[in-house]
């Protein structure tokens, strides 16, 4: 049985007060003065249910997410659909065979 199976169903509810839009602004500010105008390919490692990626997608970023939990990725897919490329991988041996403009975790 997957460790995050049941947790995935309540994760967004538990994180309802998390301001993902503010978190995205913080991350983009780290990119420098033009960070909020930038776009490219973002990889979110341990993407969970995809809430951070959802906000990045609103800003024009191409979305990639990886998580070891099939259940978390299922919720993420329900939220993002074909807007994101989602991968199930053990994060300790991460290999997507490519580079990204921005990687978050």
N, C-alpha and C. Protein backbone atom coordinates (compact mmCIF):
# COMPACT_ATOMS: atom_id res chain seq x y z
N UNK A 1 0.83 -1.19 0.00
CA UNK A 1 0.00 0.00 0.00
C UNK A 1 0.88 1.26 0.00
N UNK A 2 0.52 2.21 -0.77
CA UNK A 2 1.28 3.45 -0.89
C UNK A 2 1.11 4.31 0.35
N UNK A 3 2.20 4.86 0.84
CA UNK A 3 2.19 5.64 2.07
C UNK A 3 1.30 6.89 1.98
N UNK A 4 1.23 7.51 0.81
CA UNK A 4 0.49 8.76 0.67
C UNK A 4 -0.91 8.57 0.09
N UNK A 5 -1.36 7.34 -0.07
CA UNK A 5 -2.64 7.06 -0.69
C UNK A 5 -3.80 7.84 -0.10
N UNK A 6 -4.07 7.67 1.17
CA UNK A 6 -5.17 8.38 1.83
C UNK A 6 -4.86 9.84 2.05
N UNK A 7 -3.60 10.16 2.31
CA UNK A 7 -3.18 11.53 2.56
C UNK A 7 -3.45 12.42 1.35
N UNK A 8 -3.27 11.88 0.16
CA UNK A 8 -3.48 12.66 -1.06
C UNK A 8 -4.90 13.20 -1.15
N UNK A 9 -5.85 12.47 -0.61
CA UNK A 9 -7.26 12.87 -0.69
C UNK A 9 -7.59 14.06 0.21
N UNK A 10 -6.80 14.29 1.25
CA UNK A 10 -7.09 15.39 2.18
C UNK A 10 -6.00 16.46 2.17
N UNK A 11 -4.94 16.26 1.39
CA UNK A 11 -3.80 17.18 1.40
C UNK A 11 -4.21 18.61 1.08
N UNK A 12 -4.98 18.82 0.02
CA UNK A 12 -5.38 20.18 -0.36
C UNK A 12 -6.23 20.82 0.72
N UNK A 13 -7.06 20.03 1.36
CA UNK A 13 -7.89 20.54 2.44
C UNK A 13 -7.01 21.02 3.61
N UNK A 14 -5.99 20.23 3.91
CA UNK A 14 -5.08 20.60 5.00
C UNK A 14 -4.26 21.84 4.65
N UNK A 15 -3.99 22.03 3.37
CA UNK A 15 -3.14 23.14 2.92
C UNK A 15 -3.97 24.32 2.41
N UNK A 16 -5.26 24.36 2.71
CA UNK A 16 -6.16 25.37 2.16
C UNK A 16 -5.73 26.80 2.48
N UNK A 17 -5.08 27.00 3.61
CA UNK A 17 -4.66 28.35 3.98
C UNK A 17 -3.31 28.74 3.41
N UNK A 18 -2.64 27.81 2.74
CA UNK A 18 -1.34 28.10 2.11
C UNK A 18 -1.57 29.03 0.93
N UNK A 19 -0.85 30.13 0.89
CA UNK A 19 -0.99 31.12 -0.19
C UNK A 19 0.01 30.78 -1.30
N UNK A 20 -0.40 29.91 -2.22
CA UNK A 20 0.49 29.48 -3.30
C UNK A 20 0.85 30.64 -4.23
N UNK A 21 -0.07 31.58 -4.42
CA UNK A 21 0.24 32.73 -5.26
C UNK A 21 1.39 33.54 -4.65
N UNK A 22 1.36 33.73 -3.35
CA UNK A 22 2.44 34.45 -2.67
C UNK A 22 3.75 33.66 -2.76
N UNK A 23 3.66 32.35 -2.63
CA UNK A 23 4.85 31.50 -2.72
C UNK A 23 5.46 31.62 -4.12
N UNK A 24 4.63 31.63 -5.16
CA UNK A 24 5.12 31.77 -6.53
C UNK A 24 5.81 33.11 -6.70
N UNK A 25 5.22 34.17 -6.19
CA UNK A 25 5.86 35.50 -6.28
C UNK A 25 7.22 35.48 -5.60
N UNK A 26 7.32 34.85 -4.45
CA UNK A 26 8.59 34.76 -3.74
C UNK A 26 9.64 34.03 -4.59
N UNK A 27 9.26 32.89 -5.14
CA UNK A 27 10.20 32.10 -5.96
C UNK A 27 10.63 32.90 -7.18
N UNK A 28 9.68 33.54 -7.84
CA UNK A 28 10.03 34.31 -9.05
C UNK A 28 10.87 35.53 -8.71
N UNK A 29 10.65 36.13 -7.55
CA UNK A 29 11.50 37.25 -7.12
C UNK A 29 12.95 36.82 -6.95
N UNK A 30 13.16 35.57 -6.56
CA UNK A 30 14.52 35.06 -6.41
C UNK A 30 15.26 35.02 -7.75
N UNK A 31 14.50 35.02 -8.84
CA UNK A 31 15.13 34.99 -10.17
C UNK A 31 15.67 36.36 -10.58
N UNK A 32 15.37 37.38 -9.80
CA UNK A 32 15.88 38.72 -10.10
C UNK A 32 14.78 39.65 -10.54
N UNK A 33 15.16 40.85 -11.00
CA UNK A 33 14.19 41.90 -11.34
C UNK A 33 13.17 41.48 -12.41
N UNK A 34 13.57 40.66 -13.32
CA UNK A 34 12.65 40.25 -14.38
C UNK A 34 12.01 38.89 -14.10
N UNK A 35 12.16 38.37 -12.91
CA UNK A 35 11.64 37.05 -12.57
C UNK A 35 10.16 36.88 -12.82
N UNK A 36 9.37 37.87 -12.46
CA UNK A 36 7.93 37.76 -12.65
C UNK A 36 7.50 37.88 -14.11
N UNK A 37 8.42 38.30 -14.97
CA UNK A 37 8.13 38.39 -16.39
C UNK A 37 8.65 37.16 -17.14
N UNK A 38 9.41 36.35 -16.44
CA UNK A 38 10.04 35.19 -17.06
C UNK A 38 9.06 34.04 -17.23
N UNK A 39 9.38 33.20 -18.14
CA UNK A 39 8.67 31.93 -18.28
C UNK A 39 9.65 30.94 -18.88
N UNK A 40 9.28 29.73 -18.86
CA UNK A 40 10.14 28.67 -19.36
C UNK A 40 9.57 27.36 -18.87
N UNK A 41 10.43 26.43 -18.61
CA UNK A 41 10.00 25.12 -18.14
C UNK A 41 10.35 24.99 -16.67
N UNK A 42 9.34 24.77 -15.85
CA UNK A 42 9.56 24.61 -14.42
C UNK A 42 9.31 23.16 -14.04
N UNK A 43 10.24 22.61 -13.27
CA UNK A 43 10.08 21.28 -12.70
C UNK A 43 9.89 21.43 -11.21
N UNK A 44 8.78 20.92 -10.70
CA UNK A 44 8.52 20.92 -9.27
C UNK A 44 8.74 19.50 -8.76
N UNK A 45 9.79 19.33 -7.97
CA UNK A 45 10.13 18.03 -7.39
C UNK A 45 9.28 17.84 -6.14
N UNK A 46 8.71 16.66 -5.98
CA UNK A 46 7.77 16.38 -4.90
C UNK A 46 6.56 17.30 -5.05
N UNK A 47 6.02 17.33 -6.25
CA UNK A 47 4.96 18.27 -6.62
C UNK A 47 3.63 18.03 -5.90
N UNK A 48 3.48 16.89 -5.26
CA UNK A 48 2.25 16.63 -4.52
C UNK A 48 1.03 16.74 -5.39
N UNK A 49 0.08 17.57 -4.98
CA UNK A 49 -1.18 17.70 -5.71
C UNK A 49 -1.17 18.80 -6.77
N UNK A 50 0.00 19.41 -7.00
CA UNK A 50 0.16 20.32 -8.13
C UNK A 50 -0.29 21.75 -7.93
N UNK A 51 -0.56 22.17 -6.70
CA UNK A 51 -1.05 23.53 -6.48
C UNK A 51 -0.03 24.59 -6.88
N UNK A 52 1.25 24.36 -6.58
CA UNK A 52 2.29 25.31 -6.98
C UNK A 52 2.37 25.37 -8.50
N UNK A 53 2.33 24.23 -9.16
CA UNK A 53 2.39 24.20 -10.62
C UNK A 53 1.20 24.92 -11.24
N UNK A 54 0.04 24.78 -10.64
CA UNK A 54 -1.15 25.46 -11.14
C UNK A 54 -0.91 26.96 -11.21
N UNK A 55 -0.35 27.53 -10.16
CA UNK A 55 -0.06 28.97 -10.13
C UNK A 55 1.01 29.35 -11.14
N UNK A 56 2.03 28.50 -11.31
CA UNK A 56 3.07 28.78 -12.30
C UNK A 56 2.49 28.75 -13.71
N UNK A 57 1.56 27.84 -13.95
CA UNK A 57 0.93 27.75 -15.26
C UNK A 57 0.15 29.01 -15.61
N UNK A 58 -0.44 29.65 -14.62
CA UNK A 58 -1.18 30.91 -14.84
C UNK A 58 -0.26 32.01 -15.31
N UNK A 59 1.04 31.83 -15.08
CA UNK A 59 2.04 32.84 -15.48
C UNK A 59 2.77 32.45 -16.75
N UNK A 60 2.31 31.42 -17.42
CA UNK A 60 2.85 31.06 -18.72
C UNK A 60 3.97 30.03 -18.70
N UNK A 61 4.29 29.48 -17.56
CA UNK A 61 5.35 28.48 -17.49
C UNK A 61 4.86 27.15 -18.02
N UNK A 62 5.75 26.41 -18.65
CA UNK A 62 5.47 25.03 -19.06
C UNK A 62 5.73 24.16 -17.84
N UNK A 63 4.79 23.29 -17.54
CA UNK A 63 4.78 22.61 -16.25
C UNK A 63 5.25 21.17 -16.31
N UNK A 64 6.15 20.84 -15.37
CA UNK A 64 6.63 19.48 -15.19
C UNK A 64 6.63 19.20 -13.70
N UNK A 65 6.12 18.05 -13.32
CA UNK A 65 6.09 17.69 -11.92
C UNK A 65 6.51 16.25 -11.75
N UNK A 66 7.18 15.98 -10.64
CA UNK A 66 7.57 14.62 -10.32
C UNK A 66 7.26 14.37 -8.85
N UNK A 67 6.75 13.19 -8.57
CA UNK A 67 6.45 12.78 -7.21
C UNK A 67 6.55 11.26 -7.17
N UNK A 68 6.86 10.73 -6.01
CA UNK A 68 6.93 9.28 -5.89
C UNK A 68 5.56 8.67 -5.62
N UNK A 69 4.58 9.50 -5.28
CA UNK A 69 3.26 9.02 -4.92
C UNK A 69 2.29 9.02 -6.10
N UNK A 70 1.83 7.86 -6.46
CA UNK A 70 0.84 7.74 -7.53
C UNK A 70 -0.45 8.47 -7.15
N UNK A 71 -0.84 8.39 -5.88
CA UNK A 71 -2.07 9.05 -5.42
C UNK A 71 -1.96 10.57 -5.52
N UNK A 72 -0.82 11.12 -5.11
CA UNK A 72 -0.62 12.58 -5.21
C UNK A 72 -0.66 13.01 -6.67
N UNK A 73 -0.01 12.25 -7.53
CA UNK A 73 0.00 12.59 -8.96
C UNK A 73 -1.39 12.49 -9.57
N UNK A 74 -2.21 11.59 -9.09
CA UNK A 74 -3.58 11.47 -9.61
C UNK A 74 -4.37 12.73 -9.28
N UNK A 75 -4.23 13.25 -8.07
CA UNK A 75 -4.90 14.50 -7.70
C UNK A 75 -4.33 15.65 -8.53
N UNK A 76 -3.02 15.66 -8.70
CA UNK A 76 -2.38 16.69 -9.50
C UNK A 76 -2.90 16.66 -10.94
N UNK A 77 -3.03 15.47 -11.50
CA UNK A 77 -3.53 15.35 -12.87
C UNK A 77 -4.98 15.85 -12.97
N UNK A 78 -5.78 15.54 -11.95
CA UNK A 78 -7.17 16.03 -11.95
C UNK A 78 -7.19 17.56 -11.95
N UNK A 79 -6.23 18.18 -11.29
CA UNK A 79 -6.16 19.63 -11.17
C UNK A 79 -5.58 20.28 -12.44
N UNK A 80 -4.57 19.65 -13.03
CA UNK A 80 -3.82 20.26 -14.12
C UNK A 80 -4.13 19.69 -15.49
N UNK A 81 -4.60 18.47 -15.54
CA UNK A 81 -4.87 17.81 -16.81
C UNK A 81 -3.66 17.79 -17.71
N UNK A 82 -3.89 18.08 -18.97
CA UNK A 82 -2.81 18.02 -19.95
C UNK A 82 -1.90 19.26 -19.91
N UNK A 83 -2.15 20.18 -19.00
CA UNK A 83 -1.30 21.37 -18.86
C UNK A 83 0.07 21.03 -18.29
N UNK A 84 0.20 19.85 -17.69
CA UNK A 84 1.45 19.49 -17.03
C UNK A 84 1.93 18.13 -17.49
N UNK A 85 3.23 17.97 -17.49
CA UNK A 85 3.87 16.68 -17.72
C UNK A 85 4.23 16.14 -16.35
N UNK A 86 3.59 15.06 -15.95
CA UNK A 86 3.78 14.52 -14.60
C UNK A 86 4.48 13.17 -14.68
N UNK A 87 5.40 12.96 -13.74
CA UNK A 87 6.19 11.73 -13.73
C UNK A 87 6.21 11.14 -12.32
N UNK A 88 6.05 9.84 -12.25
CA UNK A 88 6.21 9.14 -10.98
C UNK A 88 7.61 8.56 -10.95
N UNK A 89 8.40 9.02 -9.98
CA UNK A 89 9.77 8.53 -9.83
C UNK A 89 10.18 8.61 -8.38
N UNK A 90 11.07 7.73 -8.02
CA UNK A 90 11.70 7.79 -6.70
C UNK A 90 12.63 9.01 -6.73
N UNK A 91 12.39 9.94 -5.85
CA UNK A 91 13.14 11.20 -5.87
C UNK A 91 14.61 11.02 -5.53
N UNK A 92 14.95 9.91 -4.91
CA UNK A 92 16.36 9.66 -4.57
C UNK A 92 17.17 9.28 -5.79
N UNK A 93 16.50 8.92 -6.88
CA UNK A 93 17.20 8.53 -8.11
C UNK A 93 16.58 9.26 -9.29
N UNK A 94 16.33 10.54 -9.10
CA UNK A 94 15.64 11.34 -10.12
C UNK A 94 16.46 11.46 -11.39
N UNK A 95 15.83 11.12 -12.50
CA UNK A 95 16.48 11.25 -13.80
C UNK A 95 15.39 11.40 -14.86
N UNK A 96 15.21 12.64 -15.31
CA UNK A 96 14.24 12.90 -16.38
C UNK A 96 14.93 13.10 -17.72
N UNK A 97 16.25 13.04 -17.72
CA UNK A 97 17.00 13.10 -18.96
C UNK A 97 16.99 14.45 -19.65
N UNK A 98 16.81 15.51 -18.90
CA UNK A 98 16.76 16.84 -19.50
C UNK A 98 17.03 17.91 -18.46
N UNK A 99 17.15 19.16 -18.91
CA UNK A 99 17.35 20.30 -18.03
C UNK A 99 16.10 21.16 -18.05
N UNK A 100 15.97 22.04 -17.04
CA UNK A 100 14.82 22.92 -16.90
C UNK A 100 15.27 24.34 -16.60
N UNK A 101 14.42 25.31 -16.93
CA UNK A 101 14.72 26.71 -16.64
C UNK A 101 14.72 26.97 -15.14
N UNK A 102 13.84 26.28 -14.42
CA UNK A 102 13.68 26.48 -12.99
C UNK A 102 13.29 25.14 -12.36
N UNK A 103 13.92 24.82 -11.25
CA UNK A 103 13.57 23.61 -10.50
C UNK A 103 13.24 24.03 -9.08
N UNK A 104 12.09 23.59 -8.59
CA UNK A 104 11.67 23.87 -7.21
C UNK A 104 11.38 22.55 -6.49
N UNK A 105 11.31 22.63 -5.20
CA UNK A 105 10.98 21.47 -4.39
C UNK A 105 10.18 21.91 -3.20
